[in-house]
Amino acid sequence: MSTIVAFIEKKDIGFFYFLNRRLNCPPLNIFMKSVTLLGSFAFAIFLTLTLLFANRKMGVALMLNLTTAQIAIQSLKRLINRPRPYRTHQWVLSLNPPKCKYSFPSGHSCTALSIALAVSCFIPGLMTLLIPIAAIVGLSRIYLGYHYPTDVSVGFIISIIVYELTKIFITI
Protein backbone atom coordinates (compact mmCIF):
# COMPACT_ATOMS: atom_id res chain seq x y z
CA MET A 1 0.00 0.00 0.00
CA SER A 2 2.79 2.44 0.89
CA THR A 3 4.32 1.81 -2.55
CA ILE A 4 1.09 2.92 -4.22
CA VAL A 5 0.87 6.02 -2.01
CA ALA A 6 4.52 6.88 -2.74
CA PHE A 7 3.91 6.45 -6.48
CA ILE A 8 0.83 8.72 -6.37
CA GLU A 9 2.68 11.36 -4.33
CA LYS A 10 5.62 11.30 -6.77
CA LYS A 11 3.31 11.75 -9.78
CA ASP A 12 1.30 14.39 -7.90
CA ILE A 13 4.36 16.51 -7.18
CA GLY A 14 5.82 15.89 -10.65
CA PHE A 15 2.70 17.12 -12.45
CA PHE A 16 2.37 19.99 -9.97
CA TYR A 17 5.99 21.03 -10.65
CA PHE A 18 5.42 20.87 -14.42
CA LEU A 19 2.35 23.13 -14.32
CA ASN A 20 3.58 25.48 -11.60
CA ARG A 21 7.24 25.92 -12.57
CA ARG A 22 7.85 24.69 -16.10
CA LEU A 23 4.86 26.35 -17.78
CA ASN A 24 5.05 29.56 -15.76
CA CYS A 25 5.10 32.71 -17.89
CA PRO A 26 3.56 36.22 -17.64
CA PRO A 27 0.74 35.71 -20.21
CA LEU A 28 -0.35 32.46 -18.52
CA ASN A 29 -0.18 34.16 -15.12
CA ILE A 30 -2.74 36.71 -16.27
CA PHE A 31 -4.97 34.08 -17.90
CA MET A 32 -4.87 31.66 -14.96
CA LYS A 33 -5.54 34.38 -12.38
CA SER A 34 -8.61 35.34 -14.40
CA VAL A 35 -9.98 31.88 -15.18
CA THR A 36 -9.61 30.67 -11.58
CA LEU A 37 -12.30 33.20 -10.59
CA LEU A 38 -14.88 31.08 -12.41
CA GLY A 39 -14.66 28.63 -9.52
CA SER A 40 -14.88 31.27 -6.81
CA PHE A 41 -17.56 31.59 -4.16
CA ALA A 42 -18.45 35.08 -5.42
CA PHE A 43 -18.96 33.90 -9.00
CA ALA A 44 -21.00 30.89 -7.84
CA ILE A 45 -23.30 33.09 -5.75
CA PHE A 46 -23.71 35.61 -8.58
CA LEU A 47 -24.52 32.90 -11.13
CA THR A 48 -26.90 31.08 -8.78
CA LEU A 49 -28.85 34.26 -7.99
CA THR A 50 -28.99 35.17 -11.68
CA LEU A 51 -30.29 31.71 -12.56
CA LEU A 52 -32.85 31.77 -9.75
CA PHE A 53 -34.42 34.77 -11.49
CA ALA A 54 -33.91 33.60 -15.08
CA ASN A 55 -34.72 29.89 -14.70
CA ARG A 56 -35.88 28.97 -11.22
CA LYS A 57 -35.50 25.21 -11.64
CA MET A 58 -31.94 25.53 -12.92
CA GLY A 59 -31.09 28.01 -10.15
CA VAL A 60 -32.46 25.70 -7.45
CA ALA A 61 -30.60 22.71 -8.92
CA LEU A 62 -27.35 24.69 -8.99
CA MET A 63 -27.88 26.02 -5.47
CA LEU A 64 -28.52 22.51 -4.12
CA ASN A 65 -25.53 21.14 -6.02
CA LEU A 66 -23.14 23.86 -4.87
CA THR A 67 -24.30 23.87 -1.25
CA THR A 68 -24.03 20.11 -0.84
CA ALA A 69 -20.66 19.95 -2.61
CA GLN A 70 -19.20 22.78 -0.53
CA ILE A 71 -20.32 21.18 2.72
CA ALA A 72 -18.46 18.03 1.68
CA ILE A 73 -15.41 19.99 0.49
CA GLN A 74 -15.10 22.18 3.58
CA SER A 75 -15.64 19.20 5.91
CA LEU A 76 -12.91 17.20 4.18
CA LYS A 77 -10.52 20.18 4.18
CA ARG A 78 -10.74 20.42 7.96
CA LEU A 79 -10.69 16.67 8.49
CA ILE A 80 -7.63 16.01 6.33
CA ASN A 81 -5.70 19.28 6.97
CA ARG A 82 -3.40 18.92 3.96
CA PRO A 83 -1.30 22.08 3.68
CA ARG A 84 -1.27 23.97 0.41
CA PRO A 85 1.76 23.39 -1.85
CA TYR A 86 3.13 26.91 -1.39
CA ARG A 87 3.20 26.29 2.38
CA THR A 88 5.02 22.97 2.00
CA HIS A 89 7.57 23.57 -0.77
CA GLN A 90 9.93 26.56 -0.95
CA TRP A 91 10.17 26.35 -4.75
CA VAL A 92 6.47 26.87 -5.47
CA LEU A 93 5.50 29.94 -7.48
CA SER A 94 2.29 31.27 -5.97
CA LEU A 95 0.38 34.36 -7.09
CA ASN A 96 -1.90 35.89 -4.44
CA PRO A 97 -2.23 32.75 -2.30
CA PRO A 98 -5.60 32.10 -0.64
CA LYS A 99 -6.06 32.68 3.07
CA CYS A 100 -7.44 29.19 3.72
CA LYS A 101 -4.49 27.01 4.62
CA TYR A 102 -6.07 23.70 3.61
CA SER A 103 -5.49 22.24 0.19
CA PHE A 104 -7.42 18.98 -0.05
CA PRO A 105 -9.85 18.88 -1.84
CA SER A 106 -10.10 21.85 -4.21
CA GLY A 107 -13.27 23.89 -3.67
CA HIS A 108 -12.78 26.01 -6.80
CA SER A 109 -12.45 22.90 -8.98
CA CYS A 110 -15.54 21.38 -7.40
CA THR A 111 -17.50 24.60 -7.87
CA ALA A 112 -16.49 25.01 -11.52
CA LEU A 113 -17.49 21.45 -12.41
CA SER A 114 -20.70 21.68 -10.34
CA ILE A 115 -21.70 24.75 -12.36
CA ALA A 116 -20.77 23.06 -15.64
CA LEU A 117 -22.74 19.90 -14.86
CA ALA A 118 -25.85 21.62 -13.52
CA VAL A 119 -26.10 24.16 -16.35
CA SER A 120 -25.29 21.53 -19.01
CA CYS A 121 -28.10 19.37 -17.68
CA PHE A 122 -30.57 22.12 -18.55
CA ILE A 123 -28.74 23.39 -21.65
CA PRO A 124 -26.95 20.33 -23.09
CA GLY A 125 -25.40 22.30 -25.95
CA LEU A 126 -23.21 24.18 -23.46
CA MET A 127 -21.53 21.02 -22.17
CA THR A 128 -18.76 21.10 -24.80
CA LEU A 129 -17.88 24.61 -23.62
CA LEU A 130 -18.45 24.37 -19.86
CA ILE A 131 -16.67 21.08 -19.09
CA PRO A 132 -13.36 22.25 -20.65
CA ILE A 133 -13.67 25.57 -18.80
CA ALA A 134 -14.11 23.65 -15.53
CA ALA A 135 -11.02 21.58 -16.39
CA ILE A 136 -9.04 24.78 -17.03
CA VAL A 137 -10.19 26.16 -13.65
CA GLY A 138 -8.78 22.99 -12.06
CA LEU A 139 -5.50 23.38 -13.94
CA SER A 140 -5.34 27.04 -12.89
CA ARG A 141 -5.46 26.02 -9.23
CA ILE A 142 -2.37 23.85 -9.76
CA TYR A 143 -0.62 26.39 -11.96
CA LEU A 144 -1.13 29.15 -9.38
CA GLY A 145 0.41 26.98 -6.65
CA TYR A 146 -2.77 26.58 -4.59
CA HIS A 147 -3.48 22.87 -5.07
CA TYR A 148 -1.91 19.56 -5.94
CA PRO A 149 -3.39 17.57 -8.85
CA THR A 150 -4.98 15.10 -6.40
CA ASP A 151 -6.77 18.01 -4.66
CA VAL A 152 -8.28 19.04 -7.98
CA SER A 153 -9.16 15.45 -8.97
CA VAL A 154 -10.98 14.80 -5.71
CA GLY A 155 -12.76 18.15 -6.02
CA PHE A 156 -14.01 17.02 -9.44
CA ILE A 157 -15.03 13.60 -8.11
CA ILE A 158 -17.04 15.17 -5.27
CA SER A 159 -18.76 17.42 -7.79
CA ILE A 160 -19.76 14.43 -9.93
CA ILE A 161 -21.02 12.42 -6.94
CA VAL A 162 -23.08 15.34 -5.63
CA TYR A 163 -24.46 16.01 -9.11
CA GLU A 164 -25.57 12.39 -9.48
CA LEU A 165 -27.16 12.44 -6.01
CA THR A 166 -28.90 15.72 -6.83
CA LYS A 167 -30.43 14.14 -9.94
CA ILE A 168 -31.95 11.44 -7.73
CA PHE A 169 -33.60 13.92 -5.35
CA ILE A 170 -34.82 16.48 -7.87
CA THR A 171 -36.02 15.94 -11.39
CA ILE A 172 -33.44 17.44 -13.69
C-alpha atoms as a PDB file:
ATOM      1  CA  MET A   1       0.000   0.000   0.000  1.00  0.00           C
ATOM      2  CA  SER A   2       2.788   2.437   0.886  1.00  0.00           C
ATOM      3  CA  THR A   3       4.320   1.809  -2.549  1.00  0.00           C
ATOM      4  CA  ILE A   4       1.091   2.923  -4.224  1.00  0.00           C
ATOM      5  CA  VAL A   5       0.873   6.025  -2.014  1.00  0.00           C
ATOM      6  CA  ALA A   6       4.522   6.882  -2.742  1.00  0.00           C
ATOM      7  CA  PHE A   7       3.905   6.451  -6.478  1.00  0.00           C
ATOM      8  CA  ILE A   8       0.826   8.721  -6.368  1.00  0.00           C
ATOM      9  CA  GLU A   9       2.682  11.360  -4.329  1.00  0.00           C
ATOM     10  CA  LYS A  10       5.620  11.303  -6.770  1.00  0.00           C
ATOM     11  CA  LYS A  11       3.313  11.749  -9.781  1.00  0.00           C
ATOM     12  CA  ASP A  12       1.298  14.391  -7.904  1.00  0.00           C
ATOM     13  CA  ILE A  13       4.362  16.514  -7.179  1.00  0.00           C
ATOM     14  CA  GLY A  14       5.818  15.891 -10.652  1.00  0.00           C
ATOM     15  CA  PHE A  15       2.699  17.121 -12.446  1.00  0.00           C
ATOM     16  CA  PHE A  16       2.374  19.991  -9.974  1.00  0.00           C
ATOM     17  CA  TYR A  17       5.991  21.029 -10.654  1.00  0.00           C
ATOM     18  CA  PHE A  18       5.417  20.871 -14.419  1.00  0.00           C
ATOM     19  CA  LEU A  19       2.351  23.129 -14.322  1.00  0.00           C
ATOM     20  CA  ASN A  20       3.582  25.481 -11.602  1.00  0.00           C
ATOM     21  CA  ARG A  21       7.241  25.915 -12.567  1.00  0.00           C
ATOM     22  CA  ARG A  22       7.851  24.692 -16.100  1.00  0.00           C
ATOM     23  CA  LEU A  23       4.857  26.351 -17.776  1.00  0.00           C
ATOM     24  CA  ASN A  24       5.055  29.556 -15.756  1.00  0.00           C
ATOM     25  CA  CYS A  25       5.095  32.709 -17.887  1.00  0.00           C
ATOM     26  CA  PRO A  26       3.559  36.223 -17.645  1.00  0.00           C
ATOM     27  CA  PRO A  27       0.743  35.705 -20.213  1.00  0.00           C
ATOM     28  CA  LEU A  28      -0.350  32.460 -18.522  1.00  0.00           C
ATOM     29  CA  ASN A  29      -0.179  34.157 -15.120  1.00  0.00           C
ATOM     30  CA  ILE A  30      -2.743  36.707 -16.267  1.00  0.00           C
ATOM     31  CA  PHE A  31      -4.974  34.077 -17.902  1.00  0.00           C
ATOM     32  CA  MET A  32      -4.867  31.657 -14.960  1.00  0.00           C
ATOM     33  CA  LYS A  33      -5.537  34.383 -12.377  1.00  0.00           C
ATOM     34  CA  SER A  34      -8.614  35.343 -14.397  1.00  0.00           C
ATOM     35  CA  VAL A  35      -9.984  31.881 -15.178  1.00  0.00           C
ATOM     36  CA  THR A  36      -9.612  30.668 -11.584  1.00  0.00           C
ATOM     37  CA  LEU A  37     -12.296  33.197 -10.587  1.00  0.00           C
ATOM     38  CA  LEU A  38     -14.881  31.078 -12.415  1.00  0.00           C
ATOM     39  CA  GLY A  39     -14.660  28.634  -9.520  1.00  0.00           C
ATOM     40  CA  SER A  40     -14.879  31.273  -6.810  1.00  0.00           C
ATOM     41  CA  PHE A  41     -17.557  31.591  -4.160  1.00  0.00           C
ATOM     42  CA  ALA A  42     -18.451  35.081  -5.418  1.00  0.00           C
ATOM     43  CA  PHE A  43     -18.957  33.896  -8.998  1.00  0.00           C
ATOM     44  CA  ALA A  44     -21.000  30.888  -7.842  1.00  0.00           C
ATOM     45  CA  ILE A  45     -23.304  33.086  -5.751  1.00  0.00           C
ATOM     46  CA  PHE A  46     -23.710  35.605  -8.583  1.00  0.00           C
ATOM     47  CA  LEU A  47     -24.518  32.898 -11.129  1.00  0.00           C
ATOM     48  CA  THR A  48     -26.900  31.076  -8.785  1.00  0.00           C
ATOM     49  CA  LEU A  49     -28.848  34.256  -7.989  1.00  0.00           C
ATOM     50  CA  THR A  50     -28.986  35.173 -11.681  1.00  0.00           C
ATOM     51  CA  LEU A  51     -30.292  31.712 -12.563  1.00  0.00           C
ATOM     52  CA  LEU A  52     -32.850  31.772  -9.746  1.00  0.00           C
ATOM     53  CA  PHE A  53     -34.419  34.774 -11.489  1.00  0.00           C
ATOM     54  CA  ALA A  54     -33.907  33.601 -15.085  1.00  0.00           C
ATOM     55  CA  ASN A  55     -34.720  29.893 -14.698  1.00  0.00           C
ATOM     56  CA  ARG A  56     -35.884  28.972 -11.220  1.00  0.00           C
ATOM     57  CA  LYS A  57     -35.499  25.207 -11.639  1.00  0.00           C
ATOM     58  CA  MET A  58     -31.937  25.534 -12.923  1.00  0.00           C
ATOM     59  CA  GLY A  59     -31.087  28.009 -10.154  1.00  0.00           C
ATOM     60  CA  VAL A  60     -32.460  25.698  -7.448  1.00  0.00           C
ATOM     61  CA  ALA A  61     -30.595  22.707  -8.918  1.00  0.00           C
ATOM     62  CA  LEU A  62     -27.350  24.686  -8.994  1.00  0.00           C
ATOM     63  CA  MET A  63     -27.879  26.017  -5.470  1.00  0.00           C
ATOM     64  CA  LEU A  64     -28.520  22.513  -4.118  1.00  0.00           C
ATOM     65  CA  ASN A  65     -25.528  21.140  -6.016  1.00  0.00           C
ATOM     66  CA  LEU A  66     -23.139  23.861  -4.866  1.00  0.00           C
ATOM     67  CA  THR A  67     -24.301  23.874  -1.251  1.00  0.00           C
ATOM     68  CA  THR A  68     -24.028  20.107  -0.844  1.00  0.00           C
ATOM     69  CA  ALA A  69     -20.664  19.947  -2.611  1.00  0.00           C
ATOM     70  CA  GLN A  70     -19.203  22.781  -0.533  1.00  0.00           C
ATOM     71  CA  ILE A  71     -20.325  21.182   2.724  1.00  0.00           C
ATOM     72  CA  ALA A  72     -18.463  18.031   1.676  1.00  0.00           C
ATOM     73  CA  ILE A  73     -15.407  19.989   0.486  1.00  0.00           C
ATOM     74  CA  GLN A  74     -15.104  22.175   3.584  1.00  0.00           C
ATOM     75  CA  SER A  75     -15.637  19.205   5.912  1.00  0.00           C
ATOM     76  CA  LEU A  76     -12.909  17.202   4.181  1.00  0.00           C
ATOM     77  CA  LYS A  77     -10.518  20.182   4.183  1.00  0.00           C
ATOM     78  CA  ARG A  78     -10.743  20.421   7.957  1.00  0.00           C
ATOM     79  CA  LEU A  79     -10.692  16.666   8.494  1.00  0.00           C
ATOM     80  CA  ILE A  80      -7.626  16.013   6.332  1.00  0.00           C
ATOM     81  CA  ASN A  81      -5.701  19.277   6.972  1.00  0.00           C
ATOM     82  CA  ARG A  82      -3.398  18.919   3.959  1.00  0.00           C
ATOM     83  CA  PRO A  83      -1.301  22.084   3.679  1.00  0.00           C
ATOM     84  CA  ARG A  84      -1.267  23.966   0.406  1.00  0.00           C
ATOM     85  CA  PRO A  85       1.758  23.392  -1.847  1.00  0.00           C
ATOM     86  CA  TYR A  86       3.128  26.910  -1.389  1.00  0.00           C
ATOM     87  CA  ARG A  87       3.202  26.285   2.378  1.00  0.00           C
ATOM     88  CA  THR A  88       5.018  22.966   2.000  1.00  0.00           C
ATOM     89  CA  HIS A  89       7.572  23.566  -0.774  1.00  0.00           C
ATOM     90  CA  GLN A  90       9.926  26.556  -0.949  1.00  0.00           C
ATOM     91  CA  TRP A  91      10.172  26.345  -4.749  1.00  0.00           C
ATOM     92  CA  VAL A  92       6.467  26.866  -5.465  1.00  0.00           C
ATOM     93  CA  LEU A  93       5.501  29.940  -7.483  1.00  0.00           C
ATOM     94  CA  SER A  94       2.287  31.272  -5.968  1.00  0.00           C
ATOM     95  CA  LEU A  95       0.385  34.359  -7.087  1.00  0.00           C
ATOM     96  CA  ASN A  96      -1.899  35.887  -4.440  1.00  0.00           C
ATOM     97  CA  PRO A  97      -2.228  32.753  -2.297  1.00  0.00           C
ATOM     98  CA  PRO A  98      -5.601  32.099  -0.644  1.00  0.00           C
ATOM     99  CA  LYS A  99      -6.058  32.678   3.069  1.00  0.00           C
ATOM    100  CA  CYS A 100      -7.442  29.187   3.722  1.00  0.00           C
ATOM    101  CA  LYS A 101      -4.489  27.005   4.625  1.00  0.00           C
ATOM    102  CA  TYR A 102      -6.073  23.696   3.613  1.00  0.00           C
ATOM    103  CA  SER A 103      -5.486  22.239   0.189  1.00  0.00           C
ATOM    104  CA  PHE A 104      -7.421  18.978  -0.050  1.00  0.00           C
ATOM    105  CA  PRO A 105      -9.846  18.875  -1.844  1.00  0.00           C
ATOM    106  CA  SER A 106     -10.103  21.846  -4.206  1.00  0.00           C
ATOM    107  CA  GLY A 107     -13.265  23.891  -3.673  1.00  0.00           C
ATOM    108  CA  HIS A 108     -12.780  26.012  -6.804  1.00  0.00           C
ATOM    109  CA  SER A 109     -12.446  22.900  -8.975  1.00  0.00           C
ATOM    110  CA  CYS A 110     -15.538  21.380  -7.401  1.00  0.00           C
ATOM    111  CA  THR A 111     -17.502  24.603  -7.866  1.00  0.00           C
ATOM    112  CA  ALA A 112     -16.491  25.005 -11.516  1.00  0.00           C
ATOM    113  CA  LEU A 113     -17.494  21.453 -12.406  1.00  0.00           C
ATOM    114  CA  SER A 114     -20.700  21.684 -10.343  1.00  0.00           C
ATOM    115  CA  ILE A 115     -21.697  24.747 -12.355  1.00  0.00           C
ATOM    116  CA  ALA A 116     -20.771  23.063 -15.641  1.00  0.00           C
ATOM    117  CA  LEU A 117     -22.744  19.897 -14.864  1.00  0.00           C
ATOM    118  CA  ALA A 118     -25.855  21.620 -13.516  1.00  0.00           C
ATOM    119  CA  VAL A 119     -26.103  24.156 -16.347  1.00  0.00           C
ATOM    120  CA  SER A 120     -25.292  21.529 -19.008  1.00  0.00           C
ATOM    121  CA  CYS A 121     -28.102  19.370 -17.682  1.00  0.00           C
ATOM    122  CA  PHE A 122     -30.567  22.123 -18.554  1.00  0.00           C
ATOM    123  CA  ILE A 123     -28.742  23.386 -21.649  1.00  0.00           C
ATOM    124  CA  PRO A 124     -26.945  20.328 -23.089  1.00  0.00           C
ATOM    125  CA  GLY A 125     -25.404  22.302 -25.951  1.00  0.00           C
ATOM    126  CA  LEU A 126     -23.213  24.176 -23.460  1.00  0.00           C
ATOM    127  CA  MET A 127     -21.529  21.025 -22.168  1.00  0.00           C
ATOM    128  CA  THR A 128     -18.764  21.104 -24.804  1.00  0.00           C
ATOM    129  CA  LEU A 129     -17.881  24.614 -23.623  1.00  0.00           C
ATOM    130  CA  LEU A 130     -18.446  24.374 -19.863  1.00  0.00           C
ATOM    131  CA  ILE A 131     -16.669  21.084 -19.090  1.00  0.00           C
ATOM    132  CA  PRO A 132     -13.363  22.245 -20.654  1.00  0.00           C
ATOM    133  CA  ILE A 133     -13.671  25.568 -18.802  1.00  0.00           C
ATOM    134  CA  ALA A 134     -14.107  23.651 -15.530  1.00  0.00           C
ATOM    135  CA  ALA A 135     -11.016  21.585 -16.389  1.00  0.00           C
ATOM    136  CA  ILE A 136      -9.039  24.781 -17.025  1.00  0.00           C
ATOM    137  CA  VAL A 137     -10.193  26.155 -13.650  1.00  0.00           C
ATOM    138  CA  GLY A 138      -8.783  22.992 -12.062  1.00  0.00           C
ATOM    139  CA  LEU A 139      -5.499  23.384 -13.941  1.00  0.00           C
ATOM    140  CA  SER A 140      -5.342  27.039 -12.889  1.00  0.00           C
ATOM    141  CA  ARG A 141      -5.461  26.018  -9.227  1.00  0.00           C
ATOM    142  CA  ILE A 142      -2.375  23.854  -9.759  1.00  0.00           C
ATOM    143  CA  TYR A 143      -0.615  26.394 -11.965  1.00  0.00           C
ATOM    144  CA  LEU A 144      -1.126  29.151  -9.381  1.00  0.00           C
ATOM    145  CA  GLY A 145       0.406  26.978  -6.646  1.00  0.00           C
ATOM    146  CA  TYR A 146      -2.767  26.585  -4.588  1.00  0.00           C
ATOM    147  CA  HIS A 147      -3.483  22.867  -5.066  1.00  0.00           C
ATOM    148  CA  TYR A 148      -1.911  19.556  -5.942  1.00  0.00           C
ATOM    149  CA  PRO A 149      -3.391  17.574  -8.847  1.00  0.00           C
ATOM    150  CA  THR A 150      -4.979  15.099  -6.397  1.00  0.00           C
ATOM    151  CA  ASP A 151      -6.767  18.008  -4.660  1.00  0.00           C
ATOM    152  CA  VAL A 152      -8.281  19.037  -7.982  1.00  0.00           C
ATOM    153  CA  SER A 153      -9.155  15.454  -8.973  1.00  0.00           C
ATOM    154  CA  VAL A 154     -10.978  14.795  -5.706  1.00  0.00           C
ATOM    155  CA  GLY A 155     -12.764  18.147  -6.016  1.00  0.00           C
ATOM    156  CA  PHE A 156     -14.011  17.023  -9.440  1.00  0.00           C
ATOM    157  CA  ILE A 157     -15.034  13.596  -8.105  1.00  0.00           C
ATOM    158  CA  ILE A 158     -17.036  15.167  -5.271  1.00  0.00           C
ATOM    159  CA  SER A 159     -18.761  17.417  -7.791  1.00  0.00           C
ATOM    160  CA  ILE A 160     -19.755  14.429  -9.933  1.00  0.00           C
ATOM    161  CA  ILE A 161     -21.018  12.423  -6.941  1.00  0.00           C
ATOM    162  CA  VAL A 162     -23.076  15.342  -5.627  1.00  0.00           C
ATOM    163  CA  TYR A 163     -24.455  16.013  -9.114  1.00  0.00           C
ATOM    164  CA  GLU A 164     -25.568  12.388  -9.480  1.00  0.00           C
ATOM    165  CA  LEU A 165     -27.164  12.436  -6.015  1.00  0.00           C
ATOM    166  CA  THR A 166     -28.903  15.724  -6.831  1.00  0.00           C
ATOM    167  CA  LYS A 167     -30.430  14.138  -9.936  1.00  0.00           C
ATOM    168  CA  ILE A 168     -31.952  11.436  -7.726  1.00  0.00           C
ATOM    169  CA  PHE A 169     -33.602  13.923  -5.352  1.00  0.00           C
ATOM    170  CA  ILE A 170     -34.822  16.475  -7.868  1.00  0.00           C
ATOM    171  CA  THR A 171     -36.018  15.944 -11.390  1.00  0.00           C
ATOM    172  CA  ILE A 172     -33.442  17.436 -13.694  1.00  0.00           C
END
